[in-house]
Amino acid sequence: MSEREMLERFLLTDPRDVGCGEAMAVLHVYVDLVAAGEDAADRYPGVAAHLAACGPCGDDYAGLLTAVTGEHPSP
């Protein structure tokens, strides 16, 4: 990836994005809310922004949600 592409990607980052560390720290709570039918994205908008932007964390979310509910989340 070129420096320009890295800069453009950085500039497109949602300012609410909490980053991998914070998202992973509350991922289990986020998944429990989703599994219970609650609006986890409303309660944790920074985590929702991060999961939408970070492929590896989004994969962790999908896997954990599948483990909890038995269903794969829709994209």
PDB file of N, CA and C in Angstrom:
ATOM      1  N   MET A   1       0.858  -1.166   0.000  1.00  0.00           N
ATOM      2  CA  MET A   1       0.000   0.000   0.000  1.00  0.00           C
ATOM      3  C   MET A   1       0.909   1.237   0.000  1.00  0.00           C
ATOM      4  N   SER A   2       0.580   2.170  -0.877  1.00  0.00           N
ATOM      5  CA  SER A   2       1.388   3.378  -0.974  1.00  0.00           C
ATOM      6  C   SER A   2       1.092   4.324   0.191  1.00  0.00           C
ATOM      7  N   GLU A   3       1.970   5.297   0.370  1.00  0.00           N
ATOM      8  CA  GLU A   3       1.757   6.281   1.438  1.00  0.00           C
ATOM      9  C   GLU A   3       0.465   7.055   1.208  1.00  0.00           C
ATOM     10  N   ARG A   4       0.177   7.357  -0.037  1.00  0.00           N
ATOM     11  CA  ARG A   4      -1.059   8.086  -0.358  1.00  0.00           C
ATOM     12  C   ARG A   4      -2.284   7.240   0.010  1.00  0.00           C
ATOM     13  N   GLU A   5      -2.248   5.955  -0.324  1.00  0.00           N
ATOM     14  CA  GLU A   5      -3.363   5.072   0.001  1.00  0.00           C
ATOM     15  C   GLU A   5      -3.537   4.949   1.517  1.00  0.00           C
ATOM     16  N   MET A   6      -2.422   4.876   2.234  1.00  0.00           N
ATOM     17  CA  MET A   6      -2.506   4.803   3.701  1.00  0.00           C
ATOM     18  C   MET A   6      -3.107   6.075   4.269  1.00  0.00           C
ATOM     19  N   LEU A   7      -2.722   7.226   3.731  1.00  0.00           N
ATOM     20  CA  LEU A   7      -3.272   8.500   4.192  1.00  0.00           C
ATOM     21  C   LEU A   7      -4.764   8.582   3.892  1.00  0.00           C
ATOM     22  N   GLU A   8      -5.164   8.189   2.692  1.00  0.00           N
ATOM     23  CA  GLU A   8      -6.578   8.224   2.332  1.00  0.00           C
ATOM     24  C   GLU A   8      -7.394   7.297   3.233  1.00  0.00           C
ATOM     25  N   ARG A   9      -6.856   6.136   3.526  1.00  0.00           N
ATOM     26  CA  ARG A   9      -7.550   5.200   4.414  1.00  0.00           C
ATOM     27  C   ARG A   9      -7.696   5.795   5.814  1.00  0.00           C
ATOM     28  N   PHE A  10      -6.630   6.432   6.296  1.00  0.00           N
ATOM     29  CA  PHE A  10      -6.662   7.071   7.609  1.00  0.00           C
ATOM     30  C   PHE A  10      -7.719   8.172   7.652  1.00  0.00           C
ATOM     31  N   LEU A  11      -7.795   8.967   6.603  1.00  0.00           N
ATOM     32  CA  LEU A  11      -8.736  10.084   6.570  1.00  0.00           C
ATOM     33  C   LEU A  11     -10.185   9.607   6.497  1.00  0.00           C
ATOM     34  N   LEU A  12     -10.412   8.399   6.047  1.00  0.00           N
ATOM     35  CA  LEU A  12     -11.765   7.848   5.974  1.00  0.00           C
ATOM     36  C   LEU A  12     -12.197   7.178   7.270  1.00  0.00           C
ATOM     37  N   THR A  13     -11.295   7.087   8.232  1.00  0.00           N
ATOM     38  CA  THR A  13     -11.609   6.436   9.498  1.00  0.00           C
ATOM     39  C   THR A  13     -12.697   7.209  10.233  1.00  0.00           C
ATOM     40  N   ASP A  14     -13.685   6.479  10.707  1.00  0.00           N
ATOM     41  CA  ASP A  14     -14.772   7.074  11.481  1.00  0.00           C
ATOM     42  C   ASP A  14     -14.181   7.588  12.797  1.00  0.00           C
ATOM     43  N   PRO A  15     -14.382   8.849  13.135  1.00  0.00           N
ATOM     44  CA  PRO A  15     -13.804   9.382  14.367  1.00  0.00           C
ATOM     45  C   PRO A  15     -14.344   8.719  15.635  1.00  0.00           C
ATOM     46  N   ARG A  16     -15.455   8.010  15.528  1.00  0.00           N
ATOM     47  CA  ARG A  16     -16.001   7.301  16.691  1.00  0.00           C
ATOM     48  C   ARG A  16     -15.292   5.973  16.936  1.00  0.00           C
ATOM     49  N   ASP A  17     -14.529   5.479  15.956  1.00  0.00           N
ATOM     50  CA  ASP A  17     -13.852   4.188  16.039  1.00  0.00           C
ATOM     51  C   ASP A  17     -12.956   4.144  17.274  1.00  0.00           C
ATOM     52  N   VAL A  18     -13.215   3.168  18.161  1.00  0.00           N
ATOM     53  CA  VAL A  18     -12.477   3.077  19.422  1.00  0.00           C
ATOM     54  C   VAL A  18     -11.179   2.296  19.306  1.00  0.00           C
ATOM     55  N   GLY A  19     -10.952   1.632  18.197  1.00  0.00           N
ATOM     56  CA  GLY A  19      -9.731   0.857  18.016  1.00  0.00           C
ATOM     57  C   GLY A  19      -9.899  -0.578  18.506  1.00  0.00           C
ATOM     58  N   CYS A  20      -8.932  -1.390  18.132  1.00  0.00           N
ATOM     59  CA  CYS A  20      -9.000  -2.824  18.429  1.00  0.00           C
ATOM     60  C   CYS A  20      -9.042  -3.125  19.925  1.00  0.00           C
ATOM     61  N   GLY A  21      -8.193  -2.497  20.691  1.00  0.00           N
ATOM     62  CA  GLY A  21      -8.104  -2.803  22.117  1.00  0.00           C
ATOM     63  C   GLY A  21      -9.406  -2.577  22.862  1.00  0.00           C
ATOM     64  N   GLU A  22      -9.972  -1.406  22.685  1.00  0.00           N
ATOM     65  CA  GLU A  22     -11.230  -1.101  23.378  1.00  0.00           C
ATOM     66  C   GLU A  22     -12.386  -1.942  22.857  1.00  0.00           C
ATOM     67  N   ALA A  23     -12.407  -2.183  21.548  1.00  0.00           N
ATOM     68  CA  ALA A  23     -13.484  -3.000  20.980  1.00  0.00           C
ATOM     69  C   ALA A  23     -13.422  -4.422  21.538  1.00  0.00           C
ATOM     70  N   MET A  24     -12.230  -4.984  21.610  1.00  0.00           N
ATOM     71  CA  MET A  24     -12.095  -6.354  22.113  1.00  0.00           C
ATOM     72  C   MET A  24     -12.385  -6.438  23.611  1.00  0.00           C
ATOM     73  N   ALA A  25     -12.143  -5.361  24.327  1.00  0.00           N
ATOM     74  CA  ALA A  25     -12.395  -5.360  25.774  1.00  0.00           C
ATOM     75  C   ALA A  25     -13.880  -5.493  26.101  1.00  0.00           C
ATOM     76  N   VAL A  26     -14.748  -5.018  25.215  1.00  0.00           N
ATOM     77  CA  VAL A  26     -16.192  -5.082  25.477  1.00  0.00           C
ATOM     78  C   VAL A  26     -16.934  -5.948  24.460  1.00  0.00           C
ATOM     79  N   LEU A  27     -16.198  -6.675  23.634  1.00  0.00           N
ATOM     80  CA  LEU A  27     -16.846  -7.459  22.586  1.00  0.00           C
ATOM     81  C   LEU A  27     -17.856  -8.454  23.146  1.00  0.00           C
ATOM     82  N   HIS A  28     -17.524  -9.083  24.254  1.00  0.00           N
ATOM     83  CA  HIS A  28     -18.457 -10.062  24.838  1.00  0.00           C
ATOM     84  C   HIS A  28     -19.760  -9.389  25.281  1.00  0.00           C
ATOM     85  N   VAL A  29     -19.669  -8.192  25.804  1.00  0.00           N
ATOM     86  CA  VAL A  29     -20.871  -7.448  26.204  1.00  0.00           C
ATOM     87  C   VAL A  29     -21.664  -7.060  24.958  1.00  0.00           C
ATOM     88  N   TYR A  30     -20.972  -6.586  23.938  1.00  0.00           N
ATOM     89  CA  TYR A  30     -21.609  -6.185  22.676  1.00  0.00           C
ATOM     90  C   TYR A  30     -22.360  -7.369  22.075  1.00  0.00           C
ATOM     91  N   VAL A  31     -21.712  -8.531  22.043  1.00  0.00           N
ATOM     92  CA  VAL A  31     -22.342  -9.736  21.485  1.00  0.00           C
ATOM     93  C   VAL A  31     -23.553 -10.147  22.321  1.00  0.00           C
ATOM     94  N   ASP A  32     -23.438 -10.082  23.633  1.00  0.00           N
ATOM     95  CA  ASP A  32     -24.580 -10.425  24.490  1.00  0.00           C
ATOM     96  C   ASP A  32     -25.769  -9.519  24.216  1.00  0.00           C
ATOM     97  N   LEU A  33     -25.524  -8.232  24.003  1.00  0.00           N
ATOM     98  CA  LEU A  33     -26.604  -7.301  23.686  1.00  0.00           C
ATOM     99  C   LEU A  33     -27.260  -7.654  22.358  1.00  0.00           C
ATOM    100  N   VAL A  34     -26.434  -7.925  21.338  1.00  0.00           N
ATOM    101  CA  VAL A  34     -26.969  -8.294  20.026  1.00  0.00           C
ATOM    102  C   VAL A  34     -27.786  -9.573  20.134  1.00  0.00           C
ATOM    103  N   ALA A  35     -27.261 -10.558  20.848  1.00  0.00           N
ATOM    104  CA  ALA A  35     -27.950 -11.842  21.003  1.00  0.00           C
ATOM    105  C   ALA A  35     -29.285 -11.674  21.729  1.00  0.00           C
ATOM    106  N   ALA A  36     -29.374 -10.686  22.608  1.00  0.00           N
ATOM    107  CA  ALA A  36     -30.605 -10.426  23.355  1.00  0.00           C
ATOM    108  C   ALA A  36     -31.574  -9.531  22.582  1.00  0.00           C
ATOM    109  N   GLY A  37     -31.199  -9.140  21.357  1.00  0.00           N
ATOM    110  CA  GLY A  37     -32.074  -8.303  20.551  1.00  0.00           C
ATOM    111  C   GLY A  37     -31.963  -6.823  20.859  1.00  0.00           C
ATOM    112  N   GLU A  38     -30.979  -6.440  21.639  1.00  0.00           N
ATOM    113  CA  GLU A  38     -30.771  -5.026  21.985  1.00  0.00           C
ATOM    114  C   GLU A  38     -30.004  -4.321  20.872  1.00  0.00           C
ATOM    115  N   ASP A  39     -30.053  -3.001  20.864  1.00  0.00           N
ATOM    116  CA  ASP A  39     -29.318  -2.202  19.882  1.00  0.00           C
ATOM    117  C   ASP A  39     -27.928  -1.895  20.435  1.00  0.00           C
ATOM    118  N   ALA A  40     -27.012  -2.844  20.237  1.00  0.00           N
ATOM    119  CA  ALA A  40     -25.656  -2.696  20.751  1.00  0.00           C
ATOM    120  C   ALA A  40     -24.937  -1.524  20.098  1.00  0.00           C
ATOM    121  N   ALA A  41     -25.207  -1.283  18.821  1.00  0.00           N
ATOM    122  CA  ALA A  41     -24.556  -0.175  18.115  1.00  0.00           C
ATOM    123  C   ALA A  41     -24.963   1.173  18.687  1.00  0.00           C
ATOM    124  N   ASP A  42     -26.178   1.286  19.189  1.00  0.00           N
ATOM    125  CA  ASP A  42     -26.624   2.531  19.807  1.00  0.00           C
ATOM    126  C   ASP A  42     -25.920   2.744  21.141  1.00  0.00           C
ATOM    127  N   ARG A  43     -25.737   1.669  21.874  1.00  0.00           N
ATOM    128  CA  ARG A  43     -25.092   1.756  23.179  1.00  0.00           C
ATOM    129  C   ARG A  43     -23.576   1.901  23.074  1.00  0.00           C
ATOM    130  N   TYR A  44     -22.988   1.270  22.057  1.00  0.00           N
ATOM    131  CA  TYR A  44     -21.540   1.303  21.846  1.00  0.00           C
ATOM    132  C   TYR A  44     -21.232   1.715  20.402  1.00  0.00           C
ATOM    133  N   PRO A  45     -21.488   2.973  20.035  1.00  0.00           N
ATOM    134  CA  PRO A  45     -21.275   3.385  18.646  1.00  0.00           C
ATOM    135  C   PRO A  45     -19.821   3.294  18.196  1.00  0.00           C
ATOM    136  N   GLY A  46     -18.898   3.495  19.105  1.00  0.00           N
ATOM    137  CA  GLY A  46     -17.484   3.396  18.753  1.00  0.00           C
ATOM    138  C   GLY A  46     -17.072   1.977  18.424  1.00  0.00           C
ATOM    139  N   VAL A  47     -17.663   1.026  19.116  1.00  0.00           N
ATOM    140  CA  VAL A  47     -17.388  -0.382  18.831  1.00  0.00           C
ATOM    141  C   VAL A  47     -18.018  -0.754  17.490  1.00  0.00           C
ATOM    142  N   ALA A  48     -19.247  -0.308  17.250  1.00  0.00           N
ATOM    143  CA  ALA A  48     -19.911  -0.587  15.971  1.00  0.00           C
ATOM    144  C   ALA A  48     -19.094  -0.018  14.814  1.00  0.00           C
ATOM    145  N   ALA A  49     -18.588   1.192  14.973  1.00  0.00           N
ATOM    146  CA  ALA A  49     -17.768   1.815  13.930  1.00  0.00           C
ATOM    147  C   ALA A  49     -16.506   1.001  13.702  1.00  0.00           C
ATOM    148  N   HIS A  50     -15.909   0.531  14.779  1.00  0.00           N
ATOM    149  CA  HIS A  50     -14.685  -0.247  14.639  1.00  0.00           C
ATOM    150  C   HIS A  50     -14.949  -1.582  13.960  1.00  0.00           C
ATOM    151  N   LEU A  51     -15.999  -2.272  14.365  1.00  0.00           N
ATOM    152  CA  LEU A  51     -16.301  -3.574  13.769  1.00  0.00           C
ATOM    153  C   LEU A  51     -16.600  -3.446  12.278  1.00  0.00           C
ATOM    154  N   ALA A  52     -17.179  -2.339  11.878  1.00  0.00           N
ATOM    155  CA  ALA A  52     -17.462  -2.120  10.461  1.00  0.00           C
ATOM    156  C   ALA A  52     -16.197  -1.854   9.658  1.00  0.00           C
ATOM    157  N   ALA A  53     -15.174  -1.325  10.315  1.00  0.00           N
ATOM    158  CA  ALA A  53     -13.961  -0.924   9.605  1.00  0.00           C
ATOM    159  C   ALA A  53     -12.813  -1.919   9.704  1.00  0.00           C
ATOM    160  N   CYS A  54     -12.817  -2.745  10.711  1.00  0.00           N
ATOM    161  CA  CYS A  54     -11.670  -3.628  10.971  1.00  0.00           C
ATOM    162  C   CYS A  54     -12.060  -5.075  10.668  1.00  0.00           C
ATOM    163  N   GLY A  55     -11.536  -5.598   9.591  1.00  0.00           N
ATOM    164  CA  GLY A  55     -11.852  -6.958   9.180  1.00  0.00           C
ATOM    165  C   GLY A  55     -11.583  -8.011  10.246  1.00  0.00           C
ATOM    166  N   PRO A  56     -10.398  -8.029  10.845  1.00  0.00           N
ATOM    167  CA  PRO A  56     -10.116  -9.049  11.859  1.00  0.00           C
ATOM    168  C   PRO A  56     -11.042  -8.955  13.070  1.00  0.00           C
ATOM    169  N   CYS A  57     -11.331  -7.760  13.539  1.00  0.00           N
ATOM    170  CA  CYS A  57     -12.231  -7.611  14.681  1.00  0.00           C
ATOM    171  C   CYS A  57     -13.661  -7.970  14.278  1.00  0.00           C
ATOM    172  N   GLY A  58     -14.045  -7.620  13.068  1.00  0.00           N
ATOM    173  CA  GLY A  58     -15.356  -8.006  12.567  1.00  0.00           C
ATOM    174  C   GLY A  58     -15.493  -9.522  12.487  1.00  0.00           C
ATOM    175  N   ASP A  59     -14.411 -10.194  12.112  1.00  0.00           N
ATOM    176  CA  ASP A  59     -14.421 -11.663  12.082  1.00  0.00           C
ATOM    177  C   ASP A  59     -14.563 -12.234  13.486  1.00  0.00           C
ATOM    178  N   ASP A  60     -13.865 -11.638  14.445  1.00  0.00           N
ATOM    179  CA  ASP A  60     -13.987 -12.089  15.839  1.00  0.00           C
ATOM    180  C   ASP A  60     -15.424 -11.912  16.333  1.00  0.00           C
ATOM    181  N   TYR A  61     -16.015 -10.775  15.995  1.00  0.00           N
ATOM    182  CA  TYR A  61     -17.409 -10.512  16.371  1.00  0.00           C
ATOM    183  C   TYR A  61     -18.334 -11.572  15.775  1.00  0.00           C
ATOM    184  N   ALA A  62     -18.175 -11.820  14.480  1.00  0.00           N
ATOM    185  CA  ALA A  62     -19.033 -12.793  13.802  1.00  0.00           C
ATOM    186  C   ALA A  62     -18.876 -14.183  14.418  1.00  0.00           C
ATOM    187  N   GLY A  63     -17.640 -14.565  14.718  1.00  0.00           N
ATOM    188  CA  GLY A  63     -17.404 -15.877  15.315  1.00  0.00           C
ATOM    189  C   GLY A  63     -17.998 -16.004  16.698  1.00  0.00           C
ATOM    190  N   LEU A  64     -17.831 -14.971  17.510  1.00  0.00           N
ATOM    191  CA  LEU A  64     -18.378 -15.007  18.862  1.00  0.00           C
ATOM    192  C   LEU A  64     -19.908 -15.002  18.830  1.00  0.00           C
ATOM    193  N   LEU A  65     -20.485 -14.196  17.952  1.00  0.00           N
ATOM    194  CA  LEU A  65     -21.936 -14.163  17.844  1.00  0.00           C
ATOM    195  C   LEU A  65     -22.472 -15.519  17.374  1.00  0.00           C
ATOM    196  N   THR A  66     -21.776 -16.146  16.446  1.00  0.00           N
ATOM    197  CA  THR A  66     -22.174 -17.470  15.986  1.00  0.00           C
ATOM    198  C   THR A  66     -22.094 -18.479  17.124  1.00  0.00           C
ATOM    199  N   ALA A  67     -21.046 -18.395  17.929  1.00  0.00           N
ATOM    200  CA  ALA A  67     -20.889 -19.313  19.061  1.00  0.00           C
ATOM    201  C   ALA A  67     -22.010 -19.123  20.089  1.00  0.00           C
ATOM    202  N   VAL A  68     -22.431 -17.888  20.274  1.00  0.00           N
ATOM    203  CA  VAL A  68     -23.460 -17.585  21.282  1.00  0.00           C
ATOM    204  C   VAL A  68     -24.862 -17.924  20.777  1.00  0.00           C
ATOM    205  N   THR A  69     -25.135 -17.598  19.525  1.00  0.00           N
ATOM    206  CA  THR A  69     -26.494 -17.751  19.009  1.00  0.00           C
ATOM    207  C   THR A  69     -26.696 -18.955  18.097  1.00  0.00           C
ATOM    208  N   GLY A  70     -25.622 -19.462  17.537  1.00  0.00           N
ATOM    209  CA  GLY A  70     -25.721 -20.538  16.563  1.00  0.00           C
ATOM    210  C   GLY A  70     -26.039 -20.053  15.177  1.00  0.00           C
ATOM    211  N   GLU A  71     -26.148 -18.736  15.008  1.00  0.00           N
ATOM    212  CA  GLU A  71     -26.455 -18.156  13.707  1.00  0.00           C
ATOM    213  C   GLU A  71     -25.350 -17.219  13.290  1.00  0.00           C
ATOM    214  N   HIS A  72     -25.045 -17.204  11.997  1.00  0.00           N
ATOM    215  CA  HIS A  72     -24.030 -16.289  11.469  1.00  0.00           C
ATOM    216  C   HIS A  72     -24.688 -14.933  11.230  1.00  0.00           C
ATOM    217  N   PRO A  73     -24.061 -13.838  11.709  1.00  0.00           N
ATOM    218  CA  PRO A  73     -24.669 -12.507  11.530  1.00  0.00           C
ATOM    219  C   PRO A  73     -24.676 -12.090  10.064  1.00  0.00           C
ATOM    220  N   SER A  74     -25.668 -11.327   9.693  1.00  0.00           N
ATOM    221  CA  SER A  74     -25.704 -10.794   8.334  1.00  0.00           C
ATOM    222  C   SER A  74     -24.713  -9.647   8.240  1.00  0.00           C
ATOM    223  N   PRO A  75     -24.138  -9.445   7.065  1.00  0.00           N
ATOM    224  CA  PRO A  75     -23.136  -8.372   6.891  1.00  0.00           C
ATOM    225  C   PRO A  75     -23.713  -6.980   7.072  1.00  0.00           C
TER     226      PRO A  75
END
